Amino acid sequence: AQKWIDWTLASQRENGAFGPSGTDLWARILMLQAVRDYGEATGDPRVMPFFDRFLRYELKTLLKTPVDPSSWAAQRIGDNVDIALWYYNKTKANFALDLIRLLYRQGTDWESVYRTGDFKRTPMITHIVNQQQSFKLLPLAYLAGCGDHLKEIYAQGVSTYDRLSGRVDGANNGDEYMRDNSAAASGETCAVVERMLSDEIALRALGDAAIADRLERLAFNALPTTTNEDI
């Protein structure tokens, strides 16, 4: 993987943008996650300046051109928030908190979805992986100071979602799109692993043992059934 990390770091332009031409934010969020993990593992001195330049560029750009509400990036904005909060915790740079608040406002309104229980509001919101990835957003926003009410709304959303589509193994039914909680319905490997990641992040943010319990159920019950044909 080193050659792709090197290419990505070397591709950063003077204004902070990186990668090939184009403005697809979601593709860049994925690469930011890879570069972050690489930096944590190696201590490469190029990594933090890379994030500083890009996140400043992102804040400036999104103030002029908001996140496309129909994009994957809007639905999965929690992954971008996770990166910005990681950077803030490393540097205490206040602009990163400004970026988090902006991302929270411009991304999909999952807060409203959790409050109303309307998980089938739009096809993008009904998409099972978007739903699973959303479960990191409110805990991160709560931790970043976007509102104390978010902790309660997150718990409310989890409870409603489980009532609508939950299973005893901790996963939720959905084959591309959310299904009901019928025993005849099924799920996806990608939905399980994305929920595991969301729960890992939410657990760090909130310290709630109930999240750890679900994560354990997913890892030892739901995940094996999606990867082993003998189960």
C-alpha atoms as a PDB file:
ATOM      1  CA  ALA A   1       0.000   0.000   0.000  1.00  0.00           C
ATOM      2  CA  GLN A   2       2.970   2.331   0.455  1.00  0.00           C
ATOM      3  CA  LYS A   3       3.040   3.435  -3.180  1.00  0.00           C
ATOM      4  CA  TRP A   4      -0.578   4.613  -2.999  1.00  0.00           C
ATOM      5  CA  ILE A   5       0.010   6.480   0.251  1.00  0.00           C
ATOM      6  CA  ASP A   6       3.102   8.126  -1.231  1.00  0.00           C
ATOM      7  CA  TRP A   7       1.198   9.072  -4.371  1.00  0.00           C
ATOM      8  CA  THR A   8      -1.653  10.557  -2.354  1.00  0.00           C
ATOM      9  CA  LEU A   9       0.628  12.637  -0.145  1.00  0.00           C
ATOM     10  CA  ALA A  10       2.626  13.830  -3.155  1.00  0.00           C
ATOM     11  CA  SER A  11      -0.538  14.742  -5.068  1.00  0.00           C
ATOM     12  CA  GLN A  12      -1.504  17.527  -2.663  1.00  0.00           C
ATOM     13  CA  ARG A  13      -1.665  20.874  -4.391  1.00  0.00           C
ATOM     14  CA  GLU A  14      -0.760  24.285  -3.042  1.00  0.00           C
ATOM     15  CA  ASN A  15      -4.364  25.046  -2.064  1.00  0.00           C
ATOM     16  CA  GLY A  16      -4.627  21.842   0.010  1.00  0.00           C
ATOM     17  CA  ALA A  17      -6.632  19.729  -2.429  1.00  0.00           C
ATOM     18  CA  PHE A  18      -5.292  16.291  -3.282  1.00  0.00           C
ATOM     19  CA  GLY A  19      -5.935  13.354  -5.563  1.00  0.00           C
ATOM     20  CA  PRO A  20      -7.020  13.273  -9.195  1.00  0.00           C
ATOM     21  CA  SER A  21      -9.008  16.052 -10.804  1.00  0.00           C
ATOM     22  CA  GLY A  22     -12.647  16.283  -9.780  1.00  0.00           C
ATOM     23  CA  THR A  23     -14.475  17.150  -6.596  1.00  0.00           C
ATOM     24  CA  ASP A  24     -15.860  13.814  -5.349  1.00  0.00           C
ATOM     25  CA  LEU A  25     -15.634  14.315  -1.597  1.00  0.00           C
ATOM     26  CA  TRP A  26     -16.599  10.751  -0.673  1.00  0.00           C
ATOM     27  CA  ALA A  27     -13.607   9.254  -2.498  1.00  0.00           C
ATOM     28  CA  ARG A  28     -11.320  11.635  -0.634  1.00  0.00           C
ATOM     29  CA  ILE A  29     -12.878  10.839   2.745  1.00  0.00           C
ATOM     30  CA  LEU A  30     -12.012   7.178   2.203  1.00  0.00           C
ATOM     31  CA  MET A  31      -8.417   8.065   1.401  1.00  0.00           C
ATOM     32  CA  LEU A  32      -8.226  10.364   4.415  1.00  0.00           C
ATOM     33  CA  GLN A  33      -9.087   7.370   6.598  1.00  0.00           C
ATOM     34  CA  ALA A  34      -6.290   5.346   5.013  1.00  0.00           C
ATOM     35  CA  VAL A  35      -3.728   8.138   5.388  1.00  0.00           C
ATOM     36  CA  ARG A  36      -4.767   8.729   9.012  1.00  0.00           C
ATOM     37  CA  ASP A  37      -4.284   5.058   9.900  1.00  0.00           C
ATOM     38  CA  TYR A  38      -0.975   5.020   8.050  1.00  0.00           C
ATOM     39  CA  GLY A  39       0.169   8.077   9.979  1.00  0.00           C
ATOM     40  CA  GLU A  40      -0.831   6.554  13.308  1.00  0.00           C
ATOM     41  CA  ALA A  41       1.083   3.392  12.473  1.00  0.00           C
ATOM     42  CA  THR A  42       4.265   4.991  11.152  1.00  0.00           C
ATOM     43  CA  GLY A  43       4.553   8.532  12.505  1.00  0.00           C
ATOM     44  CA  ASP A  44       5.385   9.741   8.997  1.00  0.00           C
ATOM     45  CA  PRO A  45       6.048  13.503   9.383  1.00  0.00           C
ATOM     46  CA  ARG A  46       4.254  14.266   6.115  1.00  0.00           C
ATOM     47  CA  VAL A  47       0.855  13.221   7.459  1.00  0.00           C
ATOM     48  CA  MET A  48      -0.152  16.004   9.864  1.00  0.00           C
ATOM     49  CA  PRO A  49       0.801  18.865   7.488  1.00  0.00           C
ATOM     50  CA  PHE A  50      -1.177  17.036   4.795  1.00  0.00           C
ATOM     51  CA  PHE A  51      -4.283  17.007   6.991  1.00  0.00           C
ATOM     52  CA  ASP A  52      -3.788  20.593   8.099  1.00  0.00           C
ATOM     53  CA  ARG A  53      -3.699  21.842   4.502  1.00  0.00           C
ATOM     54  CA  PHE A  54      -6.609  19.716   3.311  1.00  0.00           C
ATOM     55  CA  LEU A  55      -8.984  20.374   6.207  1.00  0.00           C
ATOM     56  CA  ARG A  56      -8.377  24.127   5.934  1.00  0.00           C
ATOM     57  CA  TYR A  57      -9.035  23.857   2.206  1.00  0.00           C
ATOM     58  CA  GLU A  58     -12.191  21.838   2.863  1.00  0.00           C
ATOM     59  CA  LEU A  59     -13.561  24.405   5.318  1.00  0.00           C
ATOM     60  CA  LYS A  60     -12.920  27.255   2.902  1.00  0.00           C
ATOM     61  CA  THR A  61     -14.405  25.347  -0.038  1.00  0.00           C
ATOM     62  CA  LEU A  62     -17.563  24.140   1.728  1.00  0.00           C
ATOM     63  CA  LEU A  63     -18.357  27.659   2.905  1.00  0.00           C
ATOM     64  CA  LYS A  64     -18.677  28.564  -0.778  1.00  0.00           C
ATOM     65  CA  THR A  65     -19.887  25.281  -2.256  1.00  0.00           C
ATOM     66  CA  PRO A  66     -21.805  23.106   0.230  1.00  0.00           C
ATOM     67  CA  VAL A  67     -21.811  19.307   0.211  1.00  0.00           C
ATOM     68  CA  ASP A  68     -24.100  17.939  -2.505  1.00  0.00           C
ATOM     69  CA  PRO A  69     -27.152  16.650  -0.572  1.00  0.00           C
ATOM     70  CA  SER A  70     -27.611  13.791  -3.061  1.00  0.00           C
ATOM     71  CA  SER A  71     -24.028  12.531  -2.688  1.00  0.00           C
ATOM     72  CA  TRP A  72     -22.571   9.605  -0.761  1.00  0.00           C
ATOM     73  CA  ALA A  73     -20.526  12.168   1.168  1.00  0.00           C
ATOM     74  CA  ALA A  74     -23.699  13.822   2.503  1.00  0.00           C
ATOM     75  CA  GLN A  75     -25.174  10.524   3.668  1.00  0.00           C
ATOM     76  CA  ARG A  76     -21.879   9.399   5.215  1.00  0.00           C
ATOM     77  CA  ILE A  77     -20.694  12.749   6.550  1.00  0.00           C
ATOM     78  CA  GLY A  78     -19.905  11.148   9.912  1.00  0.00           C
ATOM     79  CA  ASP A  79     -16.753   9.664   8.400  1.00  0.00           C
ATOM     80  CA  ASN A  80     -15.551  13.170   7.526  1.00  0.00           C
ATOM     81  CA  VAL A  81     -16.473  14.381  11.018  1.00  0.00           C
ATOM     82  CA  ASP A  82     -14.474  11.490  12.480  1.00  0.00           C
ATOM     83  CA  ILE A  83     -11.379  12.629  10.574  1.00  0.00           C
ATOM     84  CA  ALA A  84     -11.801  16.283  11.585  1.00  0.00           C
ATOM     85  CA  LEU A  85     -12.306  15.366  15.251  1.00  0.00           C
ATOM     86  CA  TRP A  86      -9.244  13.104  15.188  1.00  0.00           C
ATOM     87  CA  TYR A  87      -7.229  16.012  13.807  1.00  0.00           C
ATOM     88  CA  TYR A  88      -8.611  18.378  16.458  1.00  0.00           C
ATOM     89  CA  ASN A  89      -7.705  15.972  19.251  1.00  0.00           C
ATOM     90  CA  LYS A  90      -4.160  15.833  17.880  1.00  0.00           C
ATOM     91  CA  THR A  91      -3.675  19.572  17.374  1.00  0.00           C
ATOM     92  CA  LYS A  92      -6.394  21.491  19.287  1.00  0.00           C
ATOM     93  CA  ALA A  93      -6.762  23.645  16.160  1.00  0.00           C
ATOM     94  CA  ASN A  94     -10.109  25.440  16.573  1.00  0.00           C
ATOM     95  CA  PHE A  95     -10.792  25.628  12.850  1.00  0.00           C
ATOM     96  CA  ALA A  96     -11.346  21.871  12.931  1.00  0.00           C
ATOM     97  CA  LEU A  97     -14.329  22.376  15.265  1.00  0.00           C
ATOM     98  CA  ASP A  98     -15.693  24.972  12.846  1.00  0.00           C
ATOM     99  CA  LEU A  99     -15.366  22.390  10.094  1.00  0.00           C
ATOM    100  CA  ILE A 100     -17.187  19.758  12.165  1.00  0.00           C
ATOM    101  CA  ARG A 101     -20.116  22.083  12.806  1.00  0.00           C
ATOM    102  CA  LEU A 102     -20.266  22.953   9.110  1.00  0.00           C
ATOM    103  CA  LEU A 103     -20.155  19.296   8.054  1.00  0.00           C
ATOM    104  CA  TYR A 104     -22.914  18.470  10.517  1.00  0.00           C
ATOM    105  CA  ARG A 105     -25.147  21.182   9.048  1.00  0.00           C
ATOM    106  CA  GLN A 106     -24.423  20.306   5.433  1.00  0.00           C
ATOM    107  CA  GLY A 107     -24.669  16.530   5.690  1.00  0.00           C
ATOM    108  CA  THR A 108     -27.860  14.484   5.645  1.00  0.00           C
ATOM    109  CA  ASP A 109     -30.161  15.442   8.518  1.00  0.00           C
ATOM    110  CA  TRP A 110     -29.838  12.177  10.422  1.00  0.00           C
ATOM    111  CA  GLU A 111     -30.789  14.000  13.601  1.00  0.00           C
ATOM    112  CA  SER A 112     -34.282  14.515  12.198  1.00  0.00           C
ATOM    113  CA  VAL A 113     -34.438  10.926  10.952  1.00  0.00           C
ATOM    114  CA  TYR A 114     -33.580   9.594  14.417  1.00  0.00           C
ATOM    115  CA  ARG A 115     -36.039  11.929  16.110  1.00  0.00           C
ATOM    116  CA  THR A 116     -38.974  11.022  13.837  1.00  0.00           C
ATOM    117  CA  GLY A 117     -38.071   7.395  13.127  1.00  0.00           C
ATOM    118  CA  ASP A 118     -38.520   8.050   9.403  1.00  0.00           C
ATOM    119  CA  PHE A 119     -35.795   5.728   8.158  1.00  0.00           C
ATOM    120  CA  LYS A 120     -37.486   5.411   4.764  1.00  0.00           C
ATOM    121  CA  ARG A 121     -37.688   9.146   4.056  1.00  0.00           C
ATOM    122  CA  THR A 122     -35.687   8.922   0.812  1.00  0.00           C
ATOM    123  CA  PRO A 123     -34.037   6.075  -1.124  1.00  0.00           C
ATOM    124  CA  MET A 124     -30.597   7.254   0.045  1.00  0.00           C
ATOM    125  CA  ILE A 125     -31.698   7.266   3.683  1.00  0.00           C
ATOM    126  CA  THR A 126     -33.320   3.841   3.236  1.00  0.00           C
ATOM    127  CA  HIS A 127     -30.017   2.453   1.915  1.00  0.00           C
ATOM    128  CA  ILE A 128     -28.905  -0.030   4.571  1.00  0.00           C
ATOM    129  CA  VAL A 129     -25.197   0.847   4.517  1.00  0.00           C
ATOM    130  CA  ASN A 130     -25.892   4.585   4.698  1.00  0.00           C
ATOM    131  CA  GLN A 131     -28.010   3.878   7.762  1.00  0.00           C
ATOM    132  CA  GLN A 132     -25.324   1.792   9.436  1.00  0.00           C
ATOM    133  CA  GLN A 133     -22.644   4.379   8.704  1.00  0.00           C
ATOM    134  CA  SER A 134     -24.845   7.122  10.140  1.00  0.00           C
ATOM    135  CA  PHE A 135     -24.671   5.707  13.669  1.00  0.00           C
ATOM    136  CA  LYS A 136     -21.301   7.346  14.303  1.00  0.00           C
ATOM    137  CA  LEU A 137     -22.434  10.866  13.399  1.00  0.00           C
ATOM    138  CA  LEU A 138     -24.485  12.011  16.393  1.00  0.00           C
ATOM    139  CA  PRO A 139     -22.073  10.627  19.030  1.00  0.00           C
ATOM    140  CA  LEU A 140     -19.182  12.407  17.308  1.00  0.00           C
ATOM    141  CA  ALA A 141     -21.159  15.636  16.961  1.00  0.00           C
ATOM    142  CA  TYR A 142     -22.120  15.395  20.636  1.00  0.00           C
ATOM    143  CA  LEU A 143     -18.471  14.968  21.575  1.00  0.00           C
ATOM    144  CA  ALA A 144     -17.517  17.952  19.403  1.00  0.00           C
ATOM    145  CA  GLY A 145     -19.999  20.209  21.183  1.00  0.00           C
ATOM    146  CA  CYS A 146     -22.770  20.363  18.571  1.00  0.00           C
ATOM    147  CA  GLY A 147     -25.448  19.846  21.237  1.00  0.00           C
ATOM    148  CA  ASP A 148     -26.027  17.877  24.436  1.00  0.00           C
ATOM    149  CA  HIS A 149     -29.409  16.776  23.069  1.00  0.00           C
ATOM    150  CA  LEU A 150     -27.703  14.618  20.444  1.00  0.00           C
ATOM    151  CA  LYS A 151     -26.883  11.889  22.967  1.00  0.00           C
ATOM    152  CA  GLU A 152     -30.558  11.339  23.739  1.00  0.00           C
ATOM    153  CA  ILE A 153     -31.627  11.547  20.096  1.00  0.00           C
ATOM    154  CA  TYR A 154     -28.978   8.992  19.142  1.00  0.00           C
ATOM    155  CA  ALA A 155     -30.340   6.530  21.730  1.00  0.00           C
ATOM    156  CA  GLN A 156     -33.878   7.209  20.535  1.00  0.00           C
ATOM    157  CA  GLY A 157     -32.907   6.527  16.937  1.00  0.00           C
ATOM    158  CA  VAL A 158     -31.143   3.270  17.794  1.00  0.00           C
ATOM    159  CA  SER A 159     -34.208   2.055  19.707  1.00  0.00           C
ATOM    160  CA  THR A 160     -36.615   2.943  16.899  1.00  0.00           C
ATOM    161  CA  TYR A 161     -34.400   1.421  14.230  1.00  0.00           C
ATOM    162  CA  ASP A 162     -34.109  -1.849  16.137  1.00  0.00           C
ATOM    163  CA  ARG A 163     -37.862  -2.015  16.583  1.00  0.00           C
ATOM    164  CA  LEU A 164     -38.346  -1.569  12.833  1.00  0.00           C
ATOM    165  CA  SER A 165     -35.617  -3.843  11.457  1.00  0.00           C
ATOM    166  CA  GLY A 166     -33.574  -5.310  14.302  1.00  0.00           C
ATOM    167  CA  ARG A 167     -32.514  -8.903  14.798  1.00  0.00           C
ATOM    168  CA  VAL A 168     -31.481 -10.908  17.848  1.00  0.00           C
ATOM    169  CA  ASP A 169     -27.860 -11.015  16.619  1.00  0.00           C
ATOM    170  CA  GLY A 170     -27.573  -7.220  16.851  1.00  0.00           C
ATOM    171  CA  ALA A 171     -27.744  -6.602  13.095  1.00  0.00           C
ATOM    172  CA  ASN A 172     -30.555  -5.060  11.051  1.00  0.00           C
ATOM    173  CA  ASN A 173     -32.346  -6.505   8.054  1.00  0.00           C
ATOM    174  CA  GLY A 174     -31.574  -4.939   4.723  1.00  0.00           C
ATOM    175  CA  ASP A 175     -30.489  -6.226   1.316  1.00  0.00           C
ATOM    176  CA  GLU A 176     -29.328  -2.930  -0.212  1.00  0.00           C
ATOM    177  CA  TYR A 177     -32.376  -1.241   1.315  1.00  0.00           C
ATOM    178  CA  MET A 178     -33.805  -1.461   4.811  1.00  0.00           C
ATOM    179  CA  ARG A 179     -36.282  -4.293   5.409  1.00  0.00           C
ATOM    180  CA  ASP A 180     -38.621  -5.035   8.300  1.00  0.00           C
ATOM    181  CA  ASN A 181     -37.762  -7.288  11.245  1.00  0.00           C
ATOM    182  CA  SER A 182     -39.190 -10.434   9.684  1.00  0.00           C
ATOM    183  CA  ALA A 183     -37.218 -13.618  10.306  1.00  0.00           C
ATOM    184  CA  ALA A 184     -37.466 -14.274   6.560  1.00  0.00           C
ATOM    185  CA  ALA A 185     -35.479 -11.131   5.753  1.00  0.00           C
ATOM    186  CA  SER A 186     -31.701 -10.943   5.641  1.00  0.00           C
ATOM    187  CA  GLY A 187     -28.748  -8.560   5.710  1.00  0.00           C
ATOM    188  CA  GLU A 188     -25.405  -7.704   4.126  1.00  0.00           C
ATOM    189  CA  THR A 189     -21.795  -8.213   5.140  1.00  0.00           C
ATOM    190  CA  CYS A 190     -21.030  -4.563   4.407  1.00  0.00           C
ATOM    191  CA  ALA A 191     -23.890  -3.409   6.639  1.00  0.00           C
ATOM    192  CA  VAL A 192     -22.589  -5.490   9.555  1.00  0.00           C
ATOM    193  CA  VAL A 193     -18.985  -4.307   9.296  1.00  0.00           C
ATOM    194  CA  GLU A 194     -20.009  -0.670   8.850  1.00  0.00           C
ATOM    195  CA  ARG A 195     -22.203  -0.881  11.947  1.00  0.00           C
ATOM    196  CA  MET A 196     -19.302  -2.410  13.839  1.00  0.00           C
ATOM    197  CA  LEU A 197     -17.124   0.551  12.880  1.00  0.00           C
ATOM    198  CA  SER A 198     -19.878   3.016  13.789  1.00  0.00           C
ATOM    199  CA  ASP A 199     -20.355   1.316  17.154  1.00  0.00           C
ATOM    200  CA  GLU A 200     -16.612   1.310  17.847  1.00  0.00           C
ATOM    201  CA  ILE A 201     -16.550   5.066  17.252  1.00  0.00           C
ATOM    202  CA  ALA A 202     -19.791   5.689  19.170  1.00  0.00           C
ATOM    203  CA  LEU A 203     -18.461   3.659  22.103  1.00  0.00           C
ATOM    204  CA  ARG A 204     -15.323   5.795  22.283  1.00  0.00           C
ATOM    205  CA  ALA A 205     -17.441   8.945  22.110  1.00  0.00           C
ATOM    206  CA  LEU A 206     -20.120   8.023  24.652  1.00  0.00           C
ATOM    207  CA  GLY A 207     -18.625   5.287  26.830  1.00  0.00           C
ATOM    208  CA  ASP A 208     -21.970   3.483  26.865  1.00  0.00           C
ATOM    209  CA  ALA A 209     -21.692  -0.205  27.779  1.00  0.00           C
ATOM    210  CA  ALA A 210     -24.855  -0.986  25.797  1.00  0.00           C
ATOM    211  CA  ILE A 211     -22.970  -0.076  22.612  1.00  0.00           C
ATOM    212  CA  ALA A 212     -20.192  -2.478  23.599  1.00  0.00           C
ATOM    213  CA  ASP A 213     -22.767  -5.233  24.144  1.00  0.00           C
ATOM    214  CA  ARG A 214     -24.165  -4.742  20.634  1.00  0.00           C
ATOM    215  CA  LEU A 215     -20.683  -4.673  19.155  1.00  0.00           C
ATOM    216  CA  GLU A 216     -19.919  -8.002  20.798  1.00  0.00           C
ATOM    217  CA  ARG A 217     -23.156  -9.509  19.444  1.00  0.00           C
ATOM    218  CA  LEU A 218     -22.342  -8.269  15.954  1.00  0.00           C
ATOM    219  CA  ALA A 219     -18.780  -9.571  16.016  1.00  0.00           C
ATOM    220  CA  PHE A 220     -19.550 -13.029  17.405  1.00  0.00           C
ATOM    221  CA  ASN A 221     -23.028 -13.664  15.996  1.00  0.00           C
ATOM    222  CA  ALA A 222     -23.896 -11.518  12.971  1.00  0.00           C
ATOM    223  CA  LEU A 223     -20.531 -11.247  11.246  1.00  0.00           C
ATOM    224  CA  PRO A 224     -19.732 -14.990  11.055  1.00  0.00           C
ATOM    225  CA  THR A 225     -23.044 -15.711   9.333  1.00  0.00           C
ATOM    226  CA  THR A 226     -22.191 -13.256   6.543  1.00  0.00           C
ATOM    227  CA  THR A 227     -18.736 -14.681   5.843  1.00  0.00           C
ATOM    228  CA  ASN A 228     -19.009 -18.429   6.468  1.00  0.00           C
ATOM    229  CA  GLU A 229     -21.289 -20.478   4.231  1.00  0.00           C
ATOM    230  CA  ASP A 230     -21.322 -23.343   6.748  1.00  0.00           C
ATOM    231  CA  ILE A 231     -23.207 -21.291   9.359  1.00  0.00           C
END
